[in-house]
Amino acid sequence: MGWRRWKIILYKREKGIRCRDNSQKEYSSKGEVQYRELLATKHGRSTNNEILEENSNLVKISCFIYPTYSKEVEEELRKAGFDYAYSFGQKNLGSLKVLGKGKTGIVVLVEPYKVLKIRRTDAPKETLEIEAKLQIKAGEEVAPRVYDYGKNFILMEYIHGRNLMKNERRETIIDLLERARILEEKLIEHKELSRPWKNVIVSYNRTYIIDYDSATIKEKPRNVTKLLSNYLNRRDLGVKYSKSEITFDQLLSQLF
């Protein structure tokens, strides 16, 4: 899409979305047009229309602080340069749309190829910094790239794809097992791969393991074993692999 076409779309959305925080301060779309112009100039021809649909809207970043408003969170986000985010995604947050909504954070689109995870104000963890560091340690060969992080946010690569399904192609399963093994080589246990549906994204024939809020460093991680025992219903192979009775290559040959 050309940059002129992109600017026209942005101006057509000038009305925007309104929201309220818990202090009952109303936020509107005033000033968003200038911000959209900046985005259009910055991204120009590289903007992907599949990512930013024409019905998405830019909204004040404070609207995504959930479930209760926090001045501390807003100040950190603004200091890091986040004034607006898009109402975009399949999940609902009141009248807004978001990409993800979990027990730890809300995931929103802030740029065409970047998403922001904002710590929930009722999150069981007081910081997202440990999660960000583990995701960085996992590396881009396994997880979305992390660009920046703080106590209340993680800025990362937006992966345009779908969640893992129960019946996947052979190539997708092998790819996922290989990336789970890479995590083990880095001594990272994900802890959420027993039910991996929401923690794995399939995009362009490769998999990404996401959400490291429960992950830990462990001497002998069991990521591959958990996928085998639960997702693939091959506990027999999981036990053999965990006991080093078979190699990874032998595992794959017996699995298929």
C-alpha atoms as a PDB file:
ATOM      1  CA  MET A   1       0.000   0.000   0.000  1.00  0.00           C
ATOM      2  CA  GLY A   2       1.397   3.439  -0.940  1.00  0.00           C
ATOM      3  CA  TRP A   3       2.000   5.990   1.795  1.00  0.00           C
ATOM      4  CA  ARG A   4      -0.618   8.403   0.385  1.00  0.00           C
ATOM      5  CA  ARG A   5      -3.281   5.686   0.497  1.00  0.00           C
ATOM      6  CA  TRP A   6      -2.208   4.865   4.063  1.00  0.00           C
ATOM      7  CA  LYS A   7      -2.561   8.514   5.151  1.00  0.00           C
ATOM      8  CA  ILE A   8      -6.057   8.700   3.635  1.00  0.00           C
ATOM      9  CA  ILE A   9      -7.133   5.633   5.628  1.00  0.00           C
ATOM     10  CA  LEU A  10      -5.745   7.140   8.831  1.00  0.00           C
ATOM     11  CA  TYR A  11      -7.598  10.419   8.321  1.00  0.00           C
ATOM     12  CA  LYS A  12     -10.835   8.559   7.663  1.00  0.00           C
ATOM     13  CA  ARG A  13     -10.542   7.094  11.167  1.00  0.00           C
ATOM     14  CA  GLU A  14     -10.204  10.478  12.819  1.00  0.00           C
ATOM     15  CA  LYS A  15     -13.229  10.014  15.061  1.00  0.00           C
ATOM     16  CA  GLY A  16     -11.542   7.212  16.993  1.00  0.00           C
ATOM     17  CA  ILE A  17     -12.762   5.434  20.126  1.00  0.00           C
ATOM     18  CA  ARG A  18     -13.491   6.849  23.547  1.00  0.00           C
ATOM     19  CA  CYS A  19     -12.928   5.125  26.861  1.00  0.00           C
ATOM     20  CA  ARG A  20     -12.968   5.798  30.582  1.00  0.00           C
ATOM     21  CA  ASP A  21     -10.547   4.790  33.286  1.00  0.00           C
ATOM     22  CA  ASN A  22     -11.523   4.172  36.901  1.00  0.00           C
ATOM     23  CA  SER A  23     -11.041   7.831  37.840  1.00  0.00           C
ATOM     24  CA  GLN A  24     -13.777   8.613  35.278  1.00  0.00           C
ATOM     25  CA  LYS A  25     -11.490  10.764  33.119  1.00  0.00           C
ATOM     26  CA  GLU A  26     -12.657  10.649  29.522  1.00  0.00           C
ATOM     27  CA  TYR A  27     -10.148  10.081  26.723  1.00  0.00           C
ATOM     28  CA  SER A  28     -10.935  10.931  23.098  1.00  0.00           C
ATOM     29  CA  SER A  29      -9.050  10.783  19.818  1.00  0.00           C
ATOM     30  CA  LYS A  30      -7.912  14.429  19.864  1.00  0.00           C
ATOM     31  CA  GLY A  31      -4.412  14.707  18.478  1.00  0.00           C
ATOM     32  CA  GLU A  32      -4.397  11.252  16.923  1.00  0.00           C
ATOM     33  CA  VAL A  33      -4.287  12.546  13.339  1.00  0.00           C
ATOM     34  CA  GLN A  34      -0.771  13.930  13.824  1.00  0.00           C
ATOM     35  CA  TYR A  35       0.351  10.650  15.362  1.00  0.00           C
ATOM     36  CA  ARG A  36      -1.086   8.705  12.447  1.00  0.00           C
ATOM     37  CA  GLU A  37       0.743  10.951  10.000  1.00  0.00           C
ATOM     38  CA  LEU A  38       3.948  10.080  11.828  1.00  0.00           C
ATOM     39  CA  LEU A  39       3.221   6.368  11.521  1.00  0.00           C
ATOM     40  CA  ALA A  40       2.406   6.734   7.839  1.00  0.00           C
ATOM     41  CA  THR A  41       5.648   8.587   7.180  1.00  0.00           C
ATOM     42  CA  LYS A  42       7.679   6.151   9.254  1.00  0.00           C
ATOM     43  CA  HIS A  43       6.372   2.943   7.730  1.00  0.00           C
ATOM     44  CA  GLY A  44       5.374   4.119   4.247  1.00  0.00           C
ATOM     45  CA  ARG A  45       5.229   1.347   1.692  1.00  0.00           C
ATOM     46  CA  SER A  46       6.167  -1.368   4.214  1.00  0.00           C
ATOM     47  CA  THR A  47       2.789  -1.150   5.963  1.00  0.00           C
ATOM     48  CA  ASN A  48       0.918  -4.465   5.738  1.00  0.00           C
ATOM     49  CA  ASN A  49      -2.815  -3.980   5.205  1.00  0.00           C
ATOM     50  CA  GLU A  50      -3.469  -7.484   6.578  1.00  0.00           C
ATOM     51  CA  ILE A  51      -2.163  -6.304   9.943  1.00  0.00           C
ATOM     52  CA  LEU A  52      -3.776  -2.868  10.195  1.00  0.00           C
ATOM     53  CA  GLU A  53      -7.342  -3.253   9.015  1.00  0.00           C
ATOM     54  CA  GLU A  54      -9.386  -0.230   8.016  1.00  0.00           C
ATOM     55  CA  ASN A  55     -11.706  -0.599  11.012  1.00  0.00           C
ATOM     56  CA  SER A  56      -8.895  -0.321  13.576  1.00  0.00           C
ATOM     57  CA  ASN A  57      -8.543   2.871  15.610  1.00  0.00           C
ATOM     58  CA  LEU A  58      -5.811   4.603  17.547  1.00  0.00           C
ATOM     59  CA  VAL A  59      -6.683   5.020  21.210  1.00  0.00           C
ATOM     60  CA  LYS A  60      -4.978   6.678  24.172  1.00  0.00           C
ATOM     61  CA  ILE A  61      -2.609   4.199  25.825  1.00  0.00           C
ATOM     62  CA  SER A  62      -4.304   4.778  29.195  1.00  0.00           C
ATOM     63  CA  CYS A  63      -7.417   3.043  27.835  1.00  0.00           C
ATOM     64  CA  PHE A  64      -5.545  -0.267  27.854  1.00  0.00           C
ATOM     65  CA  ILE A  65      -4.470  -0.126  31.515  1.00  0.00           C
ATOM     66  CA  TYR A  66      -6.635  -2.876  32.994  1.00  0.00           C
ATOM     67  CA  PRO A  67      -8.636  -3.700  35.084  1.00  0.00           C
ATOM     68  CA  THR A  68      -8.064  -0.517  37.130  1.00  0.00           C
ATOM     69  CA  TYR A  69      -6.289   2.644  36.066  1.00  0.00           C
ATOM     70  CA  SER A  70      -2.733   3.201  37.353  1.00  0.00           C
ATOM     71  CA  LYS A  71      -0.926   6.512  37.013  1.00  0.00           C
ATOM     72  CA  GLU A  72       2.383   4.718  37.610  1.00  0.00           C
ATOM     73  CA  VAL A  73       1.793   2.375  34.673  1.00  0.00           C
ATOM     74  CA  GLU A  74       0.706   5.205  32.367  1.00  0.00           C
ATOM     75  CA  GLU A  75       3.730   7.326  33.260  1.00  0.00           C
ATOM     76  CA  GLU A  76       6.119   4.443  32.513  1.00  0.00           C
ATOM     77  CA  LEU A  77       4.431   3.737  29.185  1.00  0.00           C
ATOM     78  CA  ARG A  78       4.493   7.386  28.129  1.00  0.00           C
ATOM     79  CA  LYS A  79       8.107   7.786  29.225  1.00  0.00           C
ATOM     80  CA  ALA A  80       8.978   4.819  26.997  1.00  0.00           C
ATOM     81  CA  GLY A  81       7.246   6.573  24.086  1.00  0.00           C
ATOM     82  CA  PHE A  82       3.858   4.854  24.042  1.00  0.00           C
ATOM     83  CA  ASP A  83       1.047   7.411  23.825  1.00  0.00           C
ATOM     84  CA  TYR A  84      -1.375   5.450  21.642  1.00  0.00           C
ATOM     85  CA  ALA A  85      -2.196   1.871  20.668  1.00  0.00           C
ATOM     86  CA  TYR A  86      -4.602   0.344  18.174  1.00  0.00           C
ATOM     87  CA  SER A  87      -7.999  -1.072  19.029  1.00  0.00           C
ATOM     88  CA  PHE A  88      -7.270  -4.204  17.027  1.00  0.00           C
ATOM     89  CA  GLY A  89      -7.574  -7.947  17.573  1.00  0.00           C
ATOM     90  CA  GLN A  90      -9.963 -10.785  18.369  1.00  0.00           C
ATOM     91  CA  LYS A  91     -10.259 -10.216  22.134  1.00  0.00           C
ATOM     92  CA  ASN A  92     -12.583  -7.708  23.790  1.00  0.00           C
ATOM     93  CA  LEU A  93     -11.525  -5.220  26.440  1.00  0.00           C
ATOM     94  CA  GLY A  94     -14.746  -3.365  27.097  1.00  0.00           C
ATOM     95  CA  SER A  95     -15.466  -1.479  23.860  1.00  0.00           C
ATOM     96  CA  LEU A  96     -11.888  -1.986  22.653  1.00  0.00           C
ATOM     97  CA  LYS A  97     -10.219  -4.811  20.743  1.00  0.00           C
ATOM     98  CA  VAL A  98      -6.900  -6.339  21.822  1.00  0.00           C
ATOM     99  CA  LEU A  99      -4.635  -9.107  20.554  1.00  0.00           C
ATOM    100  CA  GLY A 100      -4.281 -10.878  23.883  1.00  0.00           C
ATOM    101  CA  LYS A 101      -5.785 -10.871  27.363  1.00  0.00           C
ATOM    102  CA  GLY A 102      -4.206 -13.078  30.011  1.00  0.00           C
ATOM    103  CA  LYS A 103      -3.720 -13.241  33.758  1.00  0.00           C
ATOM    104  CA  THR A 104      -0.507 -11.213  33.545  1.00  0.00           C
ATOM    105  CA  GLY A 105      -1.061  -8.682  30.788  1.00  0.00           C
ATOM    106  CA  ILE A 106      -2.931  -7.139  27.889  1.00  0.00           C
ATOM    107  CA  VAL A 107      -1.341  -7.334  24.424  1.00  0.00           C
ATOM    108  CA  VAL A 108      -2.024  -4.459  22.017  1.00  0.00           C
ATOM    109  CA  LEU A 109      -0.771  -3.400  18.599  1.00  0.00           C
ATOM    110  CA  VAL A 110       1.303  -0.195  18.760  1.00  0.00           C
ATOM    111  CA  GLU A 111       2.960  -0.245  15.330  1.00  0.00           C
ATOM    112  CA  PRO A 112       2.336  -2.292  12.182  1.00  0.00           C
ATOM    113  CA  TYR A 113       4.902  -4.909  13.217  1.00  0.00           C
ATOM    114  CA  LYS A 114       5.211  -4.398  16.979  1.00  0.00           C
ATOM    115  CA  VAL A 115       2.999  -5.279  19.939  1.00  0.00           C
ATOM    116  CA  LEU A 116       3.070  -4.107  23.526  1.00  0.00           C
ATOM    117  CA  LYS A 117       2.306  -6.328  26.501  1.00  0.00           C
ATOM    118  CA  ILE A 118       1.028  -4.117  29.325  1.00  0.00           C
ATOM    119  CA  ARG A 119       1.110  -5.574  32.830  1.00  0.00           C
ATOM    120  CA  ARG A 120      -2.344  -5.921  34.362  1.00  0.00           C
ATOM    121  CA  THR A 121      -2.763  -3.924  37.539  1.00  0.00           C
ATOM    122  CA  ASP A 122      -4.076  -7.070  39.257  1.00  0.00           C
ATOM    123  CA  ALA A 123      -1.320  -9.331  37.880  1.00  0.00           C
ATOM    124  CA  PRO A 124       0.098 -11.955  40.272  1.00  0.00           C
ATOM    125  CA  LYS A 125       3.599 -10.719  39.390  1.00  0.00           C
ATOM    126  CA  GLU A 126       4.833  -7.224  40.209  1.00  0.00           C
ATOM    127  CA  THR A 127       7.067  -6.918  37.144  1.00  0.00           C
ATOM    128  CA  LEU A 128       7.360  -8.159  33.559  1.00  0.00           C
ATOM    129  CA  GLU A 129      11.143  -7.813  33.538  1.00  0.00           C
ATOM    130  CA  ILE A 130      11.882 -11.474  34.346  1.00  0.00           C
ATOM    131  CA  GLU A 131       9.498 -12.644  31.633  1.00  0.00           C
ATOM    132  CA  ALA A 132      11.159 -10.315  29.116  1.00  0.00           C
ATOM    133  CA  LYS A 133      14.650 -11.556  30.003  1.00  0.00           C
ATOM    134  CA  LEU A 134      13.592 -15.195  29.603  1.00  0.00           C
ATOM    135  CA  GLN A 135      12.035 -14.429  26.225  1.00  0.00           C
ATOM    136  CA  ILE A 136      15.259 -12.704  25.151  1.00  0.00           C
ATOM    137  CA  LYS A 137      17.223 -15.752  26.325  1.00  0.00           C
ATOM    138  CA  ALA A 138      14.907 -18.006  24.317  1.00  0.00           C
ATOM    139  CA  GLY A 139      15.944 -16.075  21.220  1.00  0.00           C
ATOM    140  CA  GLU A 140      14.292 -15.223  17.923  1.00  0.00           C
ATOM    141  CA  GLU A 141      14.661 -18.804  16.695  1.00  0.00           C
ATOM    142  CA  VAL A 142      11.991 -19.749  19.247  1.00  0.00           C
ATOM    143  CA  ALA A 143      10.118 -16.621  20.402  1.00  0.00           C
ATOM    144  CA  PRO A 144       9.098 -13.197  19.069  1.00  0.00           C
ATOM    145  CA  ARG A 145      11.916 -10.653  19.222  1.00  0.00           C
ATOM    146  CA  VAL A 146      11.931  -8.344  22.265  1.00  0.00           C
ATOM    147  CA  TYR A 147      12.763  -4.706  21.451  1.00  0.00           C
ATOM    148  CA  ASP A 148      12.357  -3.099  24.874  1.00  0.00           C
ATOM    149  CA  TYR A 149      10.916  -3.824  28.304  1.00  0.00           C
ATOM    150  CA  GLY A 150      10.263  -2.354  31.726  1.00  0.00           C
ATOM    151  CA  LYS A 151       8.438  -3.152  34.924  1.00  0.00           C
ATOM    152  CA  ASN A 152       5.038  -2.747  33.301  1.00  0.00           C
ATOM    153  CA  PHE A 153       5.594  -3.525  29.615  1.00  0.00           C
ATOM    154  CA  ILE A 154       7.305  -5.660  26.988  1.00  0.00           C
ATOM    155  CA  LEU A 155       7.640  -4.350  23.430  1.00  0.00           C
ATOM    156  CA  MET A 156       8.009  -7.230  20.996  1.00  0.00           C
ATOM    157  CA  GLU A 157       7.653  -8.363  17.409  1.00  0.00           C
ATOM    158  CA  TYR A 158       4.114  -8.901  16.128  1.00  0.00           C
ATOM    159  CA  ILE A 159       3.706 -12.425  14.751  1.00  0.00           C
ATOM    160  CA  HIS A 160       0.823 -12.535  12.287  1.00  0.00           C
ATOM    161  CA  GLY A 161      -0.472 -16.095  12.501  1.00  0.00           C
ATOM    162  CA  ARG A 162      -2.857 -18.494  14.214  1.00  0.00           C
ATOM    163  CA  ASN A 163      -2.921 -20.560  17.379  1.00  0.00           C
ATOM    164  CA  LEU A 164      -1.760 -24.163  17.356  1.00  0.00           C
ATOM    165  CA  MET A 165      -4.469 -26.703  16.503  1.00  0.00           C
ATOM    166  CA  LYS A 166      -4.914 -30.277  17.697  1.00  0.00           C
ATOM    167  CA  ASN A 167      -4.397 -31.727  14.247  1.00  0.00           C
ATOM    168  CA  GLU A 168      -1.340 -30.145  12.650  1.00  0.00           C
ATOM    169  CA  ARG A 169       0.758 -31.158   9.677  1.00  0.00           C
ATOM    170  CA  ARG A 170       3.783 -33.365  10.266  1.00  0.00           C
ATOM    171  CA  GLU A 171       6.139 -30.513   9.343  1.00  0.00           C
ATOM    172  CA  THR A 172       4.542 -28.164  11.888  1.00  0.00           C
ATOM    173  CA  ILE A 173       4.805 -30.729  14.695  1.00  0.00           C
ATOM    174  CA  ILE A 174       8.468 -31.402  13.929  1.00  0.00           C
ATOM    175  CA  ASP A 175       9.163 -27.663  13.853  1.00  0.00           C
ATOM    176  CA  LEU A 176       7.498 -27.186  17.252  1.00  0.00           C
ATOM    177  CA  LEU A 177       9.393 -30.088  18.832  1.00  0.00           C
ATOM    178  CA  GLU A 178      12.678 -28.722  17.511  1.00  0.00           C
ATOM    179  CA  ARG A 179      12.003 -25.290  19.013  1.00  0.00           C
ATOM    180  CA  ALA A 180      10.977 -26.883  22.311  1.00  0.00           C
ATOM    181  CA  ARG A 181      14.317 -28.702  22.269  1.00  0.00           C
ATOM    182  CA  ILE A 182      16.155 -25.403  21.688  1.00  0.00           C
ATOM    183  CA  LEU A 183      14.521 -24.071  24.871  1.00  0.00           C
ATOM    184  CA  GLU A 184      15.844 -27.121  26.716  1.00  0.00           C
ATOM    185  CA  GLU A 185      19.351 -26.481  25.411  1.00  0.00           C
ATOM    186  CA  LYS A 186      19.050 -23.006  26.945  1.00  0.00           C
ATOM    187  CA  LEU A 187      17.781 -24.529  30.234  1.00  0.00           C
ATOM    188  CA  ILE A 188      14.375 -22.857  29.909  1.00  0.00           C
ATOM    189  CA  GLU A 189      11.268 -24.731  30.998  1.00  0.00           C
ATOM    190  CA  HIS A 190       8.187 -23.047  29.595  1.00  0.00           C
ATOM    191  CA  LYS A 191       5.678 -24.729  31.968  1.00  0.00           C
ATOM    192  CA  GLU A 192       2.670 -24.075  29.704  1.00  0.00           C
ATOM    193  CA  LEU A 193       3.335 -26.624  26.955  1.00  0.00           C
ATOM    194  CA  SER A 194       1.127 -29.333  28.453  1.00  0.00           C
ATOM    195  CA  ARG A 195      -1.741 -27.410  26.853  1.00  0.00           C
ATOM    196  CA  PRO A 196       0.060 -25.418  24.176  1.00  0.00           C
ATOM    197  CA  TRP A 197      -2.920 -24.124  22.158  1.00  0.00           C
ATOM    198  CA  LYS A 198      -2.629 -20.482  23.258  1.00  0.00           C
ATOM    199  CA  ASN A 199       1.119 -20.532  23.770  1.00  0.00           C
ATOM    200  CA  VAL A 200       2.175 -21.461  20.250  1.00  0.00           C
ATOM    201  CA  ILE A 201       1.630 -19.372  17.116  1.00  0.00           C
ATOM    202  CA  VAL A 202       1.909 -20.926  13.660  1.00  0.00           C
ATOM    203  CA  SER A 203       3.040 -18.420  11.032  1.00  0.00           C
ATOM    204  CA  TYR A 204       4.263 -19.095   7.504  1.00  0.00           C
ATOM    205  CA  ASN A 205       5.194 -22.742   8.131  1.00  0.00           C
ATOM    206  CA  ARG A 206       7.099 -22.152  11.367  1.00  0.00           C
ATOM    207  CA  THR A 207       6.119 -22.036  15.029  1.00  0.00           C
ATOM    208  CA  TYR A 208       6.728 -19.466  17.761  1.00  0.00           C
ATOM    209  CA  ILE A 209       6.531 -20.315  21.460  1.00  0.00           C
ATOM    210  CA  ILE A 210       5.115 -17.297  23.305  1.00  0.00           C
ATOM    211  CA  ASP A 211       4.163 -16.171  26.844  1.00  0.00           C
ATOM    212  CA  TYR A 212       7.089 -16.713  29.209  1.00  0.00           C
ATOM    213  CA  ASP A 213       5.367 -15.427  32.358  1.00  0.00           C
ATOM    214  CA  SER A 214       5.457 -18.920  33.946  1.00  0.00           C
ATOM    215  CA  ALA A 215       8.813 -19.976  32.494  1.00  0.00           C
ATOM    216  CA  THR A 216      11.813 -20.767  34.701  1.00  0.00           C
ATOM    217  CA  ILE A 217      15.455 -21.762  34.421  1.00  0.00           C
ATOM    218  CA  LYS A 218      15.821 -25.468  35.165  1.00  0.00           C
ATOM    219  CA  GLU A 219      18.714 -27.912  34.973  1.00  0.00           C
ATOM    220  CA  LYS A 220      16.648 -30.502  33.103  1.00  0.00           C
ATOM    221  CA  PRO A 221      13.694 -28.853  31.330  1.00  0.00           C
ATOM    222  CA  ARG A 222      10.897 -31.078  30.053  1.00  0.00           C
ATOM    223  CA  ASN A 223       9.399 -29.078  27.171  1.00  0.00           C
ATOM    224  CA  VAL A 224       9.635 -31.854  24.569  1.00  0.00           C
ATOM    225  CA  THR A 225       8.347 -34.440  27.036  1.00  0.00           C
ATOM    226  CA  LYS A 226       5.289 -32.328  27.876  1.00  0.00           C
ATOM    227  CA  LEU A 227       4.433 -31.879  24.213  1.00  0.00           C
ATOM    228  CA  LEU A 228       4.784 -35.607  23.597  1.00  0.00           C
ATOM    229  CA  SER A 229       2.818 -36.710  26.654  1.00  0.00           C
ATOM    230  CA  ASN A 230      -0.068 -34.254  26.408  1.00  0.00           C
ATOM    231  CA  TYR A 231      -0.371 -32.559  23.024  1.00  0.00           C
ATOM    232  CA  LEU A 232       0.675 -35.585  20.943  1.00  0.00           C
ATOM    233  CA  ASN A 233      -0.648 -38.249  23.342  1.00  0.00           C
ATOM    234  CA  ARG A 234       2.616 -40.214  23.146  1.00  0.00           C
ATOM    235  CA  ARG A 235       3.555 -40.573  26.790  1.00  0.00           C
ATOM    236  CA  ASP A 236       5.577 -43.675  25.927  1.00  0.00           C
ATOM    237  CA  LEU A 237       7.961 -41.621  23.802  1.00  0.00           C
ATOM    238  CA  GLY A 238       7.975 -38.840  26.373  1.00  0.00           C
ATOM    239  CA  VAL A 239       9.158 -41.215  29.091  1.00  0.00           C
ATOM    240  CA  LYS A 240      11.871 -42.727  26.873  1.00  0.00           C
ATOM    241  CA  TYR A 241      13.125 -39.306  25.827  1.00  0.00           C
ATOM    242  CA  SER A 242      13.153 -37.943  29.386  1.00  0.00           C
ATOM    243  CA  LYS A 243      15.222 -40.965  30.487  1.00  0.00           C
ATOM    244  CA  SER A 244      17.611 -40.486  27.525  1.00  0.00           C
ATOM    245  CA  GLU A 245      16.690 -43.921  26.214  1.00  0.00           C
ATOM    246  CA  ILE A 246      16.165 -42.449  22.737  1.00  0.00           C
ATOM    247  CA  THR A 247      17.702 -39.490  20.921  1.00  0.00           C
ATOM    248  CA  PHE A 248      15.709 -36.638  19.423  1.00  0.00           C
ATOM    249  CA  ASP A 249      16.140 -38.056  15.905  1.00  0.00           C
ATOM    250  CA  GLN A 250      14.995 -41.486  17.084  1.00  0.00           C
ATOM    251  CA  LEU A 251      12.021 -39.831  18.734  1.00  0.00           C
ATOM    252  CA  LEU A 252      10.983 -38.250  15.431  1.00  0.00           C
ATOM    253  CA  SER A 253      11.389 -41.491  13.491  1.00  0.00           C
ATOM    254  CA  GLN A 254       9.207 -43.370  15.998  1.00  0.00           C
ATOM    255  CA  LEU A 255       6.640 -40.578  16.192  1.00  0.00           C
ATOM    256  CA  PHE A 256       5.892 -40.675  12.482  1.00  0.00           C
END
